N, C-alpha and C. Protein backbone atom coordinates (compact mmCIF):
# COMPACT_ATOMS: atom_id res chain seq x y z
N PRO A 1 -23.06 5.01 -4.62
CA PRO A 1 -23.68 2.97 -3.53
C PRO A 1 -22.78 3.21 -2.98
N PRO A 2 -23.53 2.53 -2.12
CA PRO A 2 -22.76 2.37 -0.80
C PRO A 2 -21.06 1.56 -0.87
N ILE A 3 -20.35 1.70 0.07
CA ILE A 3 -18.88 1.80 0.08
C ILE A 3 -18.97 -0.20 1.11
N SER A 4 -18.65 -1.67 1.11
CA SER A 4 -18.85 -2.51 1.62
C SER A 4 -17.43 -2.09 3.13
N ASN A 5 -17.81 -2.86 4.01
CA ASN A 5 -16.91 -2.62 5.01
C ASN A 5 -15.35 -3.49 4.65
N GLN A 6 -15.71 -4.63 3.35
CA GLN A 6 -14.35 -5.13 3.02
C GLN A 6 -13.88 -3.71 2.03
N GLN A 7 -14.17 -3.20 1.32
CA GLN A 7 -13.89 -1.91 0.60
C GLN A 7 -13.11 -0.73 1.88
N ARG A 8 -13.81 -0.60 2.89
CA ARG A 8 -12.81 0.09 3.44
C ARG A 8 -11.94 -0.22 4.24
N ILE A 9 -11.71 -1.42 4.71
CA ILE A 9 -10.86 -2.19 5.59
C ILE A 9 -9.34 -1.75 4.36
N GLU A 10 -10.33 -2.15 2.85
CA GLU A 10 -8.91 -2.40 1.66
C GLU A 10 -8.08 -0.97 1.80
N ALA A 11 -9.47 -0.21 2.04
CA ALA A 11 -8.87 1.17 1.26
C ALA A 11 -7.61 1.96 2.76
N ALA A 12 -8.59 1.70 3.80
CA ALA A 12 -7.75 1.82 4.93
C ALA A 12 -5.90 1.98 5.18
N VAL A 13 -5.98 0.13 4.43
CA VAL A 13 -4.96 -0.74 4.67
C VAL A 13 -3.40 -0.05 3.32
N ALA A 14 -4.49 0.53 2.46
CA ALA A 14 -3.86 1.02 1.15
C ALA A 14 -3.37 2.44 1.28
N PHE A 15 -4.15 2.96 1.95
CA PHE A 15 -3.17 4.48 2.38
C PHE A 15 -2.78 4.57 3.31
N LEU A 16 -2.76 2.78 4.72
CA LEU A 16 -1.03 3.11 6.21
C LEU A 16 -0.02 2.42 5.16
N GLN A 17 -0.43 1.47 3.95
CA GLN A 17 0.94 1.13 3.53
C GLN A 17 1.13 2.42 2.68
N ALA A 18 0.62 3.02 2.02
CA ALA A 18 1.58 4.68 1.74
C ALA A 18 1.90 5.00 2.03
N LYS A 19 1.70 5.55 3.72
CA LYS A 19 2.58 6.04 4.63
C LYS A 19 3.39 5.73 4.69
N ASP A 20 3.85 4.40 4.52
CA ASP A 20 4.92 3.22 4.81
C ASP A 20 4.75 2.83 6.12
N VAL A 21 3.36 2.47 6.58
CA VAL A 21 3.19 1.60 7.81
C VAL A 21 3.89 0.47 7.90
N GLN A 22 4.17 0.20 8.81
CA GLN A 22 4.64 -1.38 8.74
C GLN A 22 4.24 -2.13 9.75
N ARG A 23 3.25 -1.98 10.51
CA ARG A 23 2.25 -2.70 11.12
C ARG A 23 0.63 -2.07 11.23
N ILE A 24 0.09 -2.78 11.07
CA ILE A 24 -1.21 -2.73 10.97
C ILE A 24 -2.06 -3.49 11.61
N ILE A 25 -2.44 -3.58 12.70
CA ILE A 25 -3.11 -3.72 13.82
C ILE A 25 -4.75 -3.45 14.27
N VAL A 26 -5.74 -4.61 13.86
CA VAL A 26 -7.10 -4.02 13.54
C VAL A 26 -7.41 -4.51 15.41
N ILE A 27 -8.25 -3.79 15.60
CA ILE A 27 -8.95 -3.39 16.64
C ILE A 27 -10.52 -3.92 16.17
N GLY A 28 -11.02 -4.34 16.98
CA GLY A 28 -12.65 -4.38 16.82
C GLY A 28 -13.08 -4.66 18.12
N HIS A 29 -14.52 -3.51 18.46
CA HIS A 29 -15.28 -4.46 20.32
C HIS A 29 -16.80 -4.61 20.08
N GLY A 30 -17.06 -5.19 20.41
CA GLY A 30 -18.36 -6.25 20.19
C GLY A 30 -18.90 -5.75 18.45
N ALA A 31 -20.18 -5.87 18.18
CA ALA A 31 -20.19 -6.45 16.03
C ALA A 31 -18.90 -5.75 15.33
N GLY A 32 -18.19 -4.73 15.59
CA GLY A 32 -16.66 -4.42 15.53
C GLY A 32 -16.04 -5.58 15.14
N GLY A 33 -15.42 -6.50 16.44
CA GLY A 33 -14.79 -6.97 16.42
C GLY A 33 -15.41 -8.49 15.24
N ASP A 34 -16.58 -8.58 15.78
CA ASP A 34 -16.98 -9.58 14.58
C ASP A 34 -16.93 -9.74 13.70
N MET A 35 -17.00 -8.40 12.90
CA MET A 35 -16.91 -8.06 11.78
C MET A 35 -15.59 -8.16 11.27
N ALA A 36 -14.60 -7.74 12.37
CA ALA A 36 -13.34 -7.90 12.10
C ALA A 36 -12.71 -9.35 11.51
N ILE A 37 -13.74 -9.92 12.56
CA ILE A 37 -13.35 -11.76 12.20
C ILE A 37 -13.74 -12.22 10.61
N GLU A 38 -15.02 -11.76 10.33
CA GLU A 38 -15.84 -11.76 9.36
C GLU A 38 -14.47 -11.39 7.76
N LEU A 39 -14.41 -10.21 8.30
CA LEU A 39 -13.87 -9.89 6.80
C LEU A 39 -12.12 -10.24 7.02
N LEU A 40 -11.59 -10.53 7.94
CA LEU A 40 -10.06 -10.53 7.93
C LEU A 40 -10.37 -12.10 6.76
N ASP A 41 -10.93 -12.61 7.23
CA ASP A 41 -10.59 -13.89 6.91
C ASP A 41 -10.78 -13.54 5.16
N SER A 42 -12.07 -12.90 4.52
CA SER A 42 -12.14 -12.81 3.31
C SER A 42 -11.74 -12.11 2.05
N ILE A 43 -10.88 -11.14 3.23
CA ILE A 43 -9.39 -10.16 2.29
C ILE A 43 -8.02 -10.13 2.04
N THR A 44 -7.13 -10.39 1.56
CA THR A 44 -5.55 -10.25 1.73
C THR A 44 -5.58 -9.47 1.89
N THR A 45 -5.17 -8.96 3.64
CA THR A 45 -4.68 -7.94 3.89
C THR A 45 -3.37 -8.46 5.25
N PRO A 46 -2.46 -8.07 4.81
CA PRO A 46 -1.16 -7.72 5.23
C PRO A 46 -1.75 -7.40 6.43
N ILE A 47 -2.12 -7.51 8.15
CA ILE A 47 -1.82 -7.58 9.39
C ILE A 47 -1.53 -8.21 9.68
N SER A 48 -0.50 -7.14 11.19
CA SER A 48 -0.06 -7.52 11.95
C SER A 48 -0.33 -8.27 13.64
N ALA A 49 -1.85 -8.07 13.90
CA ALA A 49 -2.74 -8.70 14.94
C ALA A 49 -3.78 -8.21 14.68
N LEU A 50 -4.44 -9.30 15.91
CA LEU A 50 -6.10 -8.57 15.37
C LEU A 50 -6.52 -8.89 17.35
N ILE A 51 -7.05 -7.52 17.46
CA ILE A 51 -7.26 -6.93 19.33
C ILE A 51 -8.68 -6.90 19.26
N LEU A 52 -9.80 -7.95 19.90
CA LEU A 52 -10.85 -7.90 20.01
C LEU A 52 -11.34 -8.12 21.26
N VAL A 53 -12.30 -7.14 21.52
CA VAL A 53 -13.07 -5.97 23.20
C VAL A 53 -14.18 -6.63 22.50
N GLY A 54 -15.28 -7.79 23.68
CA GLY A 54 -15.87 -8.49 23.88
C GLY A 54 -16.77 -8.35 22.90
N ALA A 55 -16.13 -9.15 21.84
CA ALA A 55 -16.05 -9.85 20.47
C ALA A 55 -17.26 -11.04 20.85
N THR A 56 -18.11 -11.24 20.29
CA THR A 56 -19.03 -11.82 20.82
C THR A 56 -19.34 -12.78 19.16
N VAL A 57 -19.01 -13.16 18.25
CA VAL A 57 -19.35 -13.93 17.23
C VAL A 57 -18.50 -15.29 18.03
N LEU A 58 -19.15 -16.28 17.48
CA LEU A 58 -18.72 -17.36 17.61
C LEU A 58 -18.49 -18.27 16.28
N PRO A 59 -17.21 -18.20 15.23
CA PRO A 59 -16.36 -18.13 14.21
C PRO A 59 -16.45 -19.90 13.60
N ASP A 60 -16.76 -20.31 12.64
CA ASP A 60 -16.71 -21.20 12.39
C ASP A 60 -15.65 -21.63 12.56
N ASN A 61 -15.28 -23.42 12.99
CA ASN A 61 -14.35 -23.78 13.48
C ASN A 61 -13.04 -23.79 12.68
N ASP A 62 -13.10 -22.90 11.31
CA ASP A 62 -11.92 -23.68 10.53
C ASP A 62 -11.04 -21.44 9.96
N ILE A 63 -12.80 -20.83 10.47
CA ILE A 63 -11.89 -19.40 9.67
C ILE A 63 -10.98 -18.80 10.86
N PHE A 64 -10.38 -19.04 12.12
CA PHE A 64 -9.05 -19.06 12.60
C PHE A 64 -7.68 -19.35 11.91
N ASN A 65 -8.03 -20.48 10.68
CA ASN A 65 -6.40 -21.66 9.84
C ASN A 65 -6.09 -20.79 9.77
N GLY A 66 -6.68 -19.60 9.11
CA GLY A 66 -6.10 -18.79 7.96
C GLY A 66 -4.93 -18.02 8.41
N PHE A 67 -5.55 -17.33 10.03
CA PHE A 67 -5.12 -16.18 10.68
C PHE A 67 -3.64 -16.65 10.78
N ASN A 68 -3.15 -15.68 10.24
CA ASN A 68 -0.95 -15.82 11.12
C ASN A 68 -0.25 -14.54 11.93
N PHE A 69 -1.21 -14.41 12.12
CA PHE A 69 -0.57 -13.00 13.16
C PHE A 69 -1.44 -13.45 14.97
N PRO A 70 -0.79 -12.58 15.79
CA PRO A 70 -1.26 -12.72 17.25
C PRO A 70 -2.49 -11.82 16.82
N ILE A 71 -2.90 -13.29 18.16
CA ILE A 71 -4.79 -12.83 18.82
C ILE A 71 -5.12 -12.55 19.80
N PHE A 72 -5.72 -11.47 20.58
CA PHE A 72 -5.94 -10.82 21.76
C PHE A 72 -7.33 -10.56 21.83
N ASP A 73 -7.86 -11.43 22.67
CA ASP A 73 -9.26 -11.09 23.74
C ASP A 73 -9.08 -10.72 24.46
N VAL A 74 -9.43 -9.65 24.94
CA VAL A 74 -10.42 -9.23 26.19
C VAL A 74 -11.78 -8.93 25.98
N TYR A 75 -12.12 -9.00 27.20
CA TYR A 75 -13.60 -9.08 27.72
C TYR A 75 -13.82 -9.05 29.30
N GLY A 76 -15.00 -8.15 29.46
CA GLY A 76 -15.03 -7.97 30.84
C GLY A 76 -16.16 -9.21 31.46
N SER A 77 -15.38 -8.84 33.63
CA SER A 77 -16.56 -10.17 33.66
C SER A 77 -17.96 -9.47 33.58
N ASN A 78 -18.02 -8.34 33.45
CA ASN A 78 -19.52 -7.96 33.62
C ASN A 78 -20.45 -7.80 32.66
N ASP A 79 -19.51 -8.86 30.78
CA ASP A 79 -19.74 -8.66 29.86
C ASP A 79 -21.15 -9.26 29.55
N LEU A 80 -21.38 -8.86 28.50
CA LEU A 80 -22.91 -9.02 27.95
C LEU A 80 -23.10 -10.86 28.29
N ASP A 81 -23.80 -11.51 28.25
CA ASP A 81 -23.82 -13.20 28.60
C ASP A 81 -23.43 -13.45 27.52
N THR A 82 -23.19 -13.15 25.77
CA THR A 82 -22.76 -14.33 25.06
C THR A 82 -20.90 -13.83 25.01
N VAL A 83 -20.66 -13.05 25.69
CA VAL A 83 -19.12 -12.59 25.38
C VAL A 83 -18.41 -13.70 25.90
N PRO A 84 -18.34 -13.96 27.35
CA PRO A 84 -18.04 -15.13 28.27
C PRO A 84 -17.75 -16.27 27.18
N ALA A 85 -18.62 -16.62 26.47
CA ALA A 85 -18.78 -17.94 26.05
C ALA A 85 -18.05 -18.50 24.22
N ALA A 86 -17.94 -16.81 23.76
CA ALA A 86 -17.68 -16.70 22.64
C ALA A 86 -15.92 -17.04 22.85
N VAL A 87 -15.62 -16.52 23.83
CA VAL A 87 -13.92 -16.55 24.65
C VAL A 87 -13.63 -17.83 24.45
N LYS A 88 -14.73 -18.04 25.53
CA LYS A 88 -14.19 -19.47 25.84
C LYS A 88 -14.29 -20.65 24.52
N TYR A 89 -15.28 -19.81 23.62
CA TYR A 89 -14.91 -21.55 22.11
C TYR A 89 -14.20 -20.94 21.28
N ARG A 90 -13.78 -19.99 21.25
CA ARG A 90 -12.48 -19.42 20.88
C ARG A 90 -11.05 -20.33 21.08
N THR A 91 -10.96 -20.53 22.95
CA THR A 91 -9.43 -20.40 23.78
C THR A 91 -9.92 -21.49 23.25
N THR A 92 -10.59 -22.92 23.57
CA THR A 92 -10.79 -23.88 22.82
C THR A 92 -10.38 -24.60 21.38
N MET A 93 -11.20 -23.35 20.51
CA MET A 93 -10.80 -24.02 19.10
C MET A 93 -9.27 -23.65 18.55
N MET A 94 -8.90 -22.67 19.75
CA MET A 94 -7.13 -22.19 19.01
C MET A 94 -6.08 -23.39 19.98
N LYS A 95 -6.78 -23.98 21.02
CA LYS A 95 -5.58 -24.50 21.23
C LYS A 95 -6.03 -25.84 21.21
N ARG A 96 -6.79 -26.19 20.33
CA ARG A 96 -7.51 -27.61 19.54
C ARG A 96 -6.02 -28.05 18.33
N ASN A 97 -6.29 -26.17 17.51
CA ASN A 97 -5.97 -25.94 16.28
C ASN A 97 -3.89 -25.53 16.64
N GLY A 98 -3.59 -26.04 17.71
CA GLY A 98 -1.96 -26.41 18.15
C GLY A 98 -1.94 -24.22 18.30
N ASN A 99 -3.05 -23.50 18.16
CA ASN A 99 -2.06 -21.45 17.82
C ASN A 99 -2.06 -21.16 19.19
N THR A 100 -1.02 -20.75 19.24
CA THR A 100 0.03 -20.51 20.54
C THR A 100 -0.02 -18.80 20.20
N ARG A 101 -0.50 -18.17 19.24
CA ARG A 101 -0.43 -16.89 18.95
C ARG A 101 -1.65 -16.83 19.10
N TYR A 102 -2.32 -16.57 20.08
CA TYR A 102 -3.50 -16.35 20.56
C TYR A 102 -4.02 -16.89 22.25
N GLU A 103 -4.67 -15.13 22.64
CA GLU A 103 -4.46 -15.27 24.02
C GLU A 103 -5.50 -14.73 24.68
N SER A 104 -6.77 -15.02 25.91
CA SER A 104 -7.99 -13.89 26.28
C SER A 104 -7.18 -13.25 27.51
N ARG A 105 -8.33 -12.31 27.38
CA ARG A 105 -8.02 -11.77 29.10
C ARG A 105 -8.95 -11.16 29.45
N ARG A 106 -9.66 -12.02 30.86
CA ARG A 106 -11.46 -10.92 31.04
C ARG A 106 -10.41 -9.50 32.60
N VAL A 107 -11.21 -8.92 32.52
CA VAL A 107 -10.53 -8.10 32.56
C VAL A 107 -11.93 -8.17 34.24
N ILE A 108 -11.78 -8.23 35.50
CA ILE A 108 -12.14 -8.41 36.98
C ILE A 108 -13.11 -6.43 36.65
N GLY A 109 -14.87 -7.09 37.11
CA GLY A 109 -15.25 -5.59 36.83
C GLY A 109 -15.58 -4.82 35.54
N ALA A 110 -14.95 -4.97 35.01
CA ALA A 110 -15.38 -4.46 33.32
C ALA A 110 -16.97 -4.94 32.62
N ASP A 111 -17.22 -4.16 32.28
CA ASP A 111 -19.14 -4.82 31.52
C ASP A 111 -18.22 -4.17 30.40
N HIS A 112 -19.57 -3.82 28.84
CA HIS A 112 -18.65 -4.58 27.63
C HIS A 112 -18.63 -3.03 27.23
N VAL A 113 -18.66 -2.05 27.54
CA VAL A 113 -18.25 -1.02 27.10
C VAL A 113 -16.85 -0.71 28.26
N PHE A 114 -16.56 -1.48 29.01
CA PHE A 114 -15.27 -0.98 29.91
C PHE A 114 -15.58 0.66 30.87
N SER A 115 -16.95 0.58 30.78
CA SER A 115 -17.22 2.01 31.82
C SER A 115 -16.17 2.46 32.66
N GLY A 116 -15.45 3.29 32.95
CA GLY A 116 -15.07 3.87 34.02
C GLY A 116 -13.25 2.89 33.61
N LEU A 117 -13.31 1.87 33.30
CA LEU A 117 -12.17 1.05 32.89
C LEU A 117 -11.30 1.12 31.64
N GLN A 118 -11.35 2.10 30.76
CA GLN A 118 -10.64 3.00 30.10
C GLN A 118 -9.25 2.87 30.02
N PRO A 119 -8.75 3.69 31.01
CA PRO A 119 -7.56 3.53 30.72
C PRO A 119 -6.94 1.83 31.10
N THR A 120 -7.51 1.11 32.71
CA THR A 120 -7.25 0.25 32.38
C THR A 120 -7.25 -0.83 30.34
N LEU A 121 -8.10 -0.52 30.19
CA LEU A 121 -8.83 -1.40 28.62
C LEU A 121 -7.05 -0.89 28.17
N THR A 122 -6.80 0.09 28.01
CA THR A 122 -5.57 0.29 27.05
C THR A 122 -4.36 0.54 27.90
N ALA A 123 -3.71 0.07 28.65
CA ALA A 123 -3.54 -0.62 29.06
C ALA A 123 -2.68 -1.88 29.33
N ILE A 124 -3.27 -2.70 29.27
CA ILE A 124 -3.57 -3.79 29.40
C ILE A 124 -3.70 -3.92 27.35
N THR A 125 -4.00 -3.87 26.31
CA THR A 125 -4.25 -3.78 24.87
C THR A 125 -2.89 -3.15 24.76
N SER A 126 -1.94 -2.15 25.76
CA SER A 126 0.09 -2.01 25.08
C SER A 126 0.51 -2.72 25.60
N ALA A 127 0.54 -3.44 26.72
CA ALA A 127 0.93 -4.13 27.09
C ALA A 127 1.02 -4.93 26.64
N TRP A 128 0.30 -5.65 26.08
CA TRP A 128 0.06 -6.82 25.16
C TRP A 128 0.81 -6.45 23.51
N LEU A 129 0.31 -5.42 23.42
CA LEU A 129 1.58 -5.11 21.89
C LEU A 129 2.18 -5.08 22.12
N ARG A 130 3.35 -4.21 23.04
CA ARG A 130 4.94 -3.99 23.56
C ARG A 130 5.37 -5.12 24.05
N LYS A 131 4.89 -6.16 24.41
CA LYS A 131 5.10 -8.16 24.82
C LYS A 131 4.85 -8.65 23.43
N LYS A 132 4.50 -8.45 22.39
CA LYS A 132 4.58 -9.19 21.13
C LYS A 132 5.48 -8.29 19.38
N PHE A 133 5.70 -7.12 20.06
CA PHE A 133 6.09 -6.37 19.17
C PHE A 133 6.90 -5.81 19.73
N ILE A 134 7.65 -4.90 20.59
CA ILE A 134 8.21 -4.07 20.87
C ILE A 134 9.69 -4.91 21.49
N THR A 135 9.18 -5.66 22.68
CA THR A 135 9.38 -6.77 23.19
C THR A 135 10.41 -7.50 22.40
N GLN A 136 9.95 -8.28 21.28
CA GLN A 136 10.38 -8.95 19.89
C GLN A 136 11.57 -8.38 19.41
N ASP A 137 10.97 -7.27 19.13
CA ASP A 137 11.96 -6.57 17.91
C ASP A 137 13.07 -6.08 18.91
N ASP A 138 13.48 -6.53 20.18
CA ASP A 138 14.72 -6.10 21.04
C ASP A 138 15.41 -7.27 20.79
N ASN A 139 14.54 -8.64 21.10
CA ASN A 139 15.65 -9.68 20.88
C ASN A 139 16.57 -10.13 18.87
């Protein structure tokens, strides 16, 4: 029988926990980010952070209320038309809910797949992770 995405994520988390991985960070691009939002709302997984790259979904207002981890929303200035609207919606929703662990970043010149700007995406994501986890651990 086919395995659901929820089962795949739970199996991956179980594998990482068996390896004594302390921080599990989910990164989803496009529809993968959309799926991550929905799946993380329905499973009890110890996630340390969520990084969305070009996620288009407009989640229900309360879908993020149960997320108690940092969220980084990255998109390009030349992304799909639905992406900036989704990021704007999530930004507004997070502010209304008082969620201070949400950040978004628009990358000038980037398209939906960050063509030619993959090193920039990697650098931005790495810097955000360092700021959220490494720098905080040093204090």
